[in-house]
Amino acid sequence: MARLIRHFLVSQNGTAAIEYSLIAALITLAIVVAVGGAADEVVAMWDSNNGKMGEAFQ
């Protein structure tokens, strides 16, 4: 196991893997932020719709 870790640290492939991991993490973060923003908009839309329906049935 130690040999495998040492090989990973010396290998240039490890550097590429770390770079790709960082890129994937940034893309994931962007998706989470975008979905969170969209979720807030959907909640606001349904709250508005709920208020309008309540006014209509009074």
PDB file of N, CA and C in Angstrom:
ATOM      1  N   MET A   1       0.822  -1.187   0.000  1.00  0.00           N
ATOM      2  CA  MET A   1       0.000   0.000   0.000  1.00  0.00           C
ATOM      3  C   MET A   1       0.871   1.258   0.000  1.00  0.00           C
ATOM      4  N   ALA A   2       1.928   1.262   0.791  1.00  0.00           N
ATOM      5  CA  ALA A   2       2.827   2.418   0.845  1.00  0.00           C
ATOM      6  C   ALA A   2       3.484   2.632  -0.512  1.00  0.00           C
ATOM      7  N   ARG A   3       3.816   1.546  -1.194  1.00  0.00           N
ATOM      8  CA  ARG A   3       4.430   1.648  -2.521  1.00  0.00           C
ATOM      9  C   ARG A   3       3.461   2.284  -3.510  1.00  0.00           C
ATOM     10  N   LEU A   4       2.202   1.932  -3.409  1.00  0.00           N
ATOM     11  CA  LEU A   4       1.187   2.484  -4.301  1.00  0.00           C
ATOM     12  C   LEU A   4       1.018   3.990  -4.053  1.00  0.00           C
ATOM     13  N   ILE A   5       1.013   4.400  -2.791  1.00  0.00           N
ATOM     14  CA  ILE A   5       0.891   5.821  -2.463  1.00  0.00           C
ATOM     15  C   ILE A   5       2.114   6.586  -2.939  1.00  0.00           C
ATOM     16  N   ARG A   6       3.296   6.021  -2.744  1.00  0.00           N
ATOM     17  CA  ARG A   6       4.531   6.665  -3.186  1.00  0.00           C
ATOM     18  C   ARG A   6       4.516   6.821  -4.705  1.00  0.00           C
ATOM     19  N   HIS A   7       4.096   5.776  -5.401  1.00  0.00           N
ATOM     20  CA  HIS A   7       4.020   5.831  -6.864  1.00  0.00           C
ATOM     21  C   HIS A   7       3.032   6.920  -7.299  1.00  0.00           C
ATOM     22  N   PHE A   8       1.910   7.032  -6.591  1.00  0.00           N
ATOM     23  CA  PHE A   8       0.912   8.052  -6.917  1.00  0.00           C
ATOM     24  C   PHE A   8       1.479   9.454  -6.726  1.00  0.00           C
ATOM     25  N   LEU A   9       2.247   9.667  -5.658  1.00  0.00           N
ATOM     26  CA  LEU A   9       2.809  10.977  -5.386  1.00  0.00           C
ATOM     27  C   LEU A   9       3.900  11.366  -6.378  1.00  0.00           C
ATOM     28  N   VAL A  10       4.663  10.393  -6.852  1.00  0.00           N
ATOM     29  CA  VAL A  10       5.756  10.672  -7.782  1.00  0.00           C
ATOM     30  C   VAL A  10       5.227  10.829  -9.207  1.00  0.00           C
ATOM     31  N   SER A  11       4.198  10.097  -9.531  1.00  0.00           N
ATOM     32  CA  SER A  11       3.669  10.072 -10.891  1.00  0.00           C
ATOM     33  C   SER A  11       3.066  11.414 -11.278  1.00  0.00           C
ATOM     34  N   GLN A  12       3.215  11.801 -12.520  1.00  0.00           N
ATOM     35  CA  GLN A  12       2.601  13.016 -13.045  1.00  0.00           C
ATOM     36  C   GLN A  12       1.092  12.830 -13.209  1.00  0.00           C
ATOM     37  N   ASN A  13       0.643  11.598 -13.299  1.00  0.00           N
ATOM     38  CA  ASN A  13      -0.788  11.331 -13.421  1.00  0.00           C
ATOM     39  C   ASN A  13      -1.525  11.796 -12.172  1.00  0.00           C
ATOM     40  N   GLY A  14      -0.860  11.737 -11.026  1.00  0.00           N
ATOM     41  CA  GLY A  14      -1.468  12.208  -9.788  1.00  0.00           C
ATOM     42  C   GLY A  14      -1.761  13.692  -9.852  1.00  0.00           C
ATOM     43  N   THR A  15      -0.853  14.439 -10.440  1.00  0.00           N
ATOM     44  CA  THR A  15      -1.052  15.882 -10.590  1.00  0.00           C
ATOM     45  C   THR A  15      -2.253  16.158 -11.472  1.00  0.00           C
ATOM     46  N   ALA A  16      -2.366  15.445 -12.558  1.00  0.00           N
ATOM     47  CA  ALA A  16      -3.504  15.628 -13.455  1.00  0.00           C
ATOM     48  C   ALA A  16      -4.800  15.243 -12.751  1.00  0.00           C
ATOM     49  N   ALA A  17      -4.761  14.187 -11.964  1.00  0.00           N
ATOM     50  CA  ALA A  17      -5.960  13.764 -11.243  1.00  0.00           C
ATOM     51  C   ALA A  17      -6.401  14.831 -10.252  1.00  0.00           C
ATOM     52  N   ILE A  18      -5.448  15.450  -9.575  1.00  0.00           N
ATOM     53  CA  ILE A  18      -5.790  16.515  -8.628  1.00  0.00           C
ATOM     54  C   ILE A  18      -6.381  17.711  -9.371  1.00  0.00           C
ATOM     55  N   GLU A  19      -5.795  18.067 -10.504  1.00  0.00           N
ATOM     56  CA  GLU A  19      -6.322  19.186 -11.286  1.00  0.00           C
ATOM     57  C   GLU A  19      -7.742  18.902 -11.758  1.00  0.00           C
ATOM     58  N   TYR A  20      -7.973  17.695 -12.264  1.00  0.00           N
ATOM     59  CA  TYR A  20      -9.312  17.334 -12.718  1.00  0.00           C
ATOM     60  C   TYR A  20     -10.284  17.309 -11.551  1.00  0.00           C
ATOM     61  N   SER A  21      -9.836  16.894 -10.387  1.00  0.00           N
ATOM     62  CA  SER A  21     -10.693  16.878  -9.202  1.00  0.00           C
ATOM     63  C   SER A  21     -11.083  18.296  -8.803  1.00  0.00           C
ATOM     64  N   LEU A  22     -10.138  19.220  -8.861  1.00  0.00           N
ATOM     65  CA  LEU A  22     -10.448  20.613  -8.538  1.00  0.00           C
ATOM     66  C   LEU A  22     -11.432  21.212  -9.538  1.00  0.00           C
ATOM     67  N   ILE A  23     -11.251  20.901 -10.801  1.00  0.00           N
ATOM     68  CA  ILE A  23     -12.177  21.389 -11.831  1.00  0.00           C
ATOM     69  C   ILE A  23     -13.574  20.814 -11.591  1.00  0.00           C
ATOM     70  N   ALA A  24     -13.639  19.517 -11.278  1.00  0.00           N
ATOM     71  CA  ALA A  24     -14.936  18.887 -11.006  1.00  0.00           C
ATOM     72  C   ALA A  24     -15.582  19.509  -9.774  1.00  0.00           C
ATOM     73  N   ALA A  25     -14.785  19.835  -8.755  1.00  0.00           N
ATOM     74  CA  ALA A  25     -15.334  20.457  -7.551  1.00  0.00           C
ATOM     75  C   ALA A  25     -15.897  21.837  -7.858  1.00  0.00           C
ATOM     76  N   LEU A  26     -15.217  22.611  -8.692  1.00  0.00           N
ATOM     77  CA  LEU A  26     -15.710  23.939  -9.058  1.00  0.00           C
ATOM     78  C   LEU A  26     -16.994  23.851  -9.881  1.00  0.00           C
ATOM     79  N   ILE A  27     -17.050  22.896 -10.786  1.00  0.00           N
ATOM     80  CA  ILE A  27     -18.268  22.712 -11.586  1.00  0.00           C
ATOM     81  C   ILE A  27     -19.423  22.300 -10.682  1.00  0.00           C
ATOM     82  N   THR A  28     -19.150  21.404  -9.732  1.00  0.00           N
ATOM     83  CA  THR A  28     -20.181  20.968  -8.798  1.00  0.00           C
ATOM     84  C   THR A  28     -20.680  22.139  -7.965  1.00  0.00           C
ATOM     85  N   LEU A  29     -19.756  22.965  -7.500  1.00  0.00           N
ATOM     86  CA  LEU A  29     -20.142  24.136  -6.716  1.00  0.00           C
ATOM     87  C   LEU A  29     -21.024  25.078  -7.534  1.00  0.00           C
ATOM     88  N   ALA A  30     -20.673  25.284  -8.786  1.00  0.00           N
ATOM     89  CA  ALA A  30     -21.476  26.149  -9.659  1.00  0.00           C
ATOM     90  C   ALA A  30     -22.880  25.581  -9.850  1.00  0.00           C
ATOM     91  N   ILE A  31     -22.980  24.272 -10.007  1.00  0.00           N
ATOM     92  CA  ILE A  31     -24.291  23.639 -10.175  1.00  0.00           C
ATOM     93  C   ILE A  31     -25.121  23.783  -8.907  1.00  0.00           C
ATOM     94  N   VAL A  32     -24.493  23.572  -7.753  1.00  0.00           N
ATOM     95  CA  VAL A  32     -25.217  23.690  -6.484  1.00  0.00           C
ATOM     96  C   VAL A  32     -25.734  25.116  -6.285  1.00  0.00           C
ATOM     97  N   VAL A  33     -24.915  26.099  -6.600  1.00  0.00           N
ATOM     98  CA  VAL A  33     -25.336  27.497  -6.459  1.00  0.00           C
ATOM     99  C   VAL A  33     -26.477  27.805  -7.423  1.00  0.00           C
ATOM    100  N   ALA A  34     -26.378  27.330  -8.657  1.00  0.00           N
ATOM    101  CA  ALA A  34     -27.422  27.588  -9.650  1.00  0.00           C
ATOM    102  C   ALA A  34     -28.732  26.926  -9.258  1.00  0.00           C
ATOM    103  N   VAL A  35     -28.665  25.696  -8.804  1.00  0.00           N
ATOM    104  CA  VAL A  35     -29.883  24.985  -8.400  1.00  0.00           C
ATOM    105  C   VAL A  35     -30.483  25.638  -7.156  1.00  0.00           C
ATOM    106  N   GLY A  36     -29.632  26.077  -6.241  1.00  0.00           N
ATOM    107  CA  GLY A  36     -30.133  26.766  -5.055  1.00  0.00           C
ATOM    108  C   GLY A  36     -30.860  28.042  -5.413  1.00  0.00           C
ATOM    109  N   GLY A  37     -30.318  28.796  -6.346  1.00  0.00           N
ATOM    110  CA  GLY A  37     -30.977  30.019  -6.810  1.00  0.00           C
ATOM    111  C   GLY A  37     -32.295  29.721  -7.504  1.00  0.00           C
ATOM    112  N   ALA A  38     -32.303  28.692  -8.314  1.00  0.00           N
ATOM    113  CA  ALA A  38     -33.536  28.310  -9.008  1.00  0.00           C
ATOM    114  C   ALA A  38     -34.578  27.834  -8.002  1.00  0.00           C
ATOM    115  N   ALA A  39     -34.155  27.121  -6.982  1.00  0.00           N
ATOM    116  CA  ALA A  39     -35.086  26.630  -5.962  1.00  0.00           C
ATOM    117  C   ALA A  39     -35.735  27.799  -5.239  1.00  0.00           C
ATOM    118  N   ASP A  40     -34.961  28.834  -4.936  1.00  0.00           N
ATOM    119  CA  ASP A  40     -35.522  30.013  -4.283  1.00  0.00           C
ATOM    120  C   ASP A  40     -36.580  30.671  -5.161  1.00  0.00           C
ATOM    121  N   GLU A  41     -36.322  30.735  -6.460  1.00  0.00           N
ATOM    122  CA  GLU A  41     -37.285  31.331  -7.389  1.00  0.00           C
ATOM    123  C   GLU A  41     -38.562  30.496  -7.466  1.00  0.00           C
ATOM    124  N   VAL A  42     -38.425  29.177  -7.466  1.00  0.00           N
ATOM    125  CA  VAL A  42     -39.602  28.302  -7.531  1.00  0.00           C
ATOM    126  C   VAL A  42     -40.436  28.439  -6.262  1.00  0.00           C
ATOM    127  N   VAL A  43     -39.778  28.496  -5.121  1.00  0.00           N
ATOM    128  CA  VAL A  43     -40.498  28.674  -3.855  1.00  0.00           C
ATOM    129  C   VAL A  43     -41.241  30.009  -3.865  1.00  0.00           C
ATOM    130  N   ALA A  44     -40.597  31.061  -4.319  1.00  0.00           N
ATOM    131  CA  ALA A  44     -41.249  32.373  -4.387  1.00  0.00           C
ATOM    132  C   ALA A  44     -42.446  32.333  -5.331  1.00  0.00           C
ATOM    133  N   MET A  45     -42.308  31.617  -6.457  1.00  0.00           N
ATOM    134  CA  MET A  45     -43.412  31.517  -7.404  1.00  0.00           C
ATOM    135  C   MET A  45     -44.606  30.809  -6.766  1.00  0.00           C
ATOM    136  N   TRP A  46     -44.361  29.707  -6.066  1.00  0.00           N
ATOM    137  CA  TRP A  46     -45.455  28.959  -5.447  1.00  0.00           C
ATOM    138  C   TRP A  46     -46.067  29.743  -4.295  1.00  0.00           C
ATOM    139  N   ASP A  47     -45.255  30.495  -3.547  1.00  0.00           N
ATOM    140  CA  ASP A  47     -45.799  31.327  -2.478  1.00  0.00           C
ATOM    141  C   ASP A  47     -46.715  32.406  -3.054  1.00  0.00           C
ATOM    142  N   SER A  48     -46.296  33.004  -4.149  1.00  0.00           N
ATOM    143  CA  SER A  48     -47.116  34.013  -4.810  1.00  0.00           C
ATOM    144  C   SER A  48     -48.420  33.399  -5.319  1.00  0.00           C
ATOM    145  N   ASN A  49     -48.303  32.221  -5.916  1.00  0.00           N
ATOM    146  CA  ASN A  49     -49.476  31.532  -6.436  1.00  0.00           C
ATOM    147  C   ASN A  49     -50.421  31.179  -5.292  1.00  0.00           C
ATOM    148  N   ASN A  50     -49.881  30.731  -4.183  1.00  0.00           N
ATOM    149  CA  ASN A  50     -50.690  30.386  -3.018  1.00  0.00           C
ATOM    150  C   ASN A  50     -51.432  31.612  -2.500  1.00  0.00           C
ATOM    151  N   GLY A  51     -50.747  32.752  -2.439  1.00  0.00           N
ATOM    152  CA  GLY A  51     -51.402  33.976  -1.989  1.00  0.00           C
ATOM    153  C   GLY A  51     -52.537  34.404  -2.902  1.00  0.00           C
ATOM    154  N   LYS A  52     -52.322  34.298  -4.197  1.00  0.00           N
ATOM    155  CA  LYS A  52     -53.345  34.673  -5.169  1.00  0.00           C
ATOM    156  C   LYS A  52     -54.559  33.744  -5.076  1.00  0.00           C
ATOM    157  N   MET A  53     -54.299  32.455  -4.867  1.00  0.00           N
ATOM    158  CA  MET A  53     -55.404  31.499  -4.729  1.00  0.00           C
ATOM    159  C   MET A  53     -56.190  31.796  -3.462  1.00  0.00           C
ATOM    160  N   GLY A  54     -55.505  32.153  -2.390  1.00  0.00           N
ATOM    161  CA  GLY A  54     -56.191  32.496  -1.143  1.00  0.00           C
ATOM    162  C   GLY A  54     -57.070  33.722  -1.312  1.00  0.00           C
ATOM    163  N   GLU A  55     -56.585  34.719  -2.033  1.00  0.00           N
ATOM    164  CA  GLU A  55     -57.369  35.934  -2.291  1.00  0.00           C
ATOM    165  C   GLU A  55     -58.574  35.630  -3.148  1.00  0.00           C
ATOM    166  N   ALA A  56     -58.433  34.726  -4.107  1.00  0.00           N
ATOM    167  CA  ALA A  56     -59.522  34.392  -5.018  1.00  0.00           C
ATOM    168  C   ALA A  56     -60.665  33.680  -4.298  1.00  0.00           C
ATOM    169  N   PHE A  57     -60.352  32.912  -3.260  1.00  0.00           N
ATOM    170  CA  PHE A  57     -61.385  32.141  -2.577  1.00  0.00           C
ATOM    171  C   PHE A  57     -61.953  32.850  -1.351  1.00  0.00           C
ATOM    172  N   GLN A  58     -61.599  34.102  -1.119  1.00  0.00           N
ATOM    173  CA  GLN A  58     -62.141  34.824   0.038  1.00  0.00           C
ATOM    174  C   GLN A  58     -63.495  35.387  -0.249  1.00  0.00           C
TER     175      GLN A  58
END
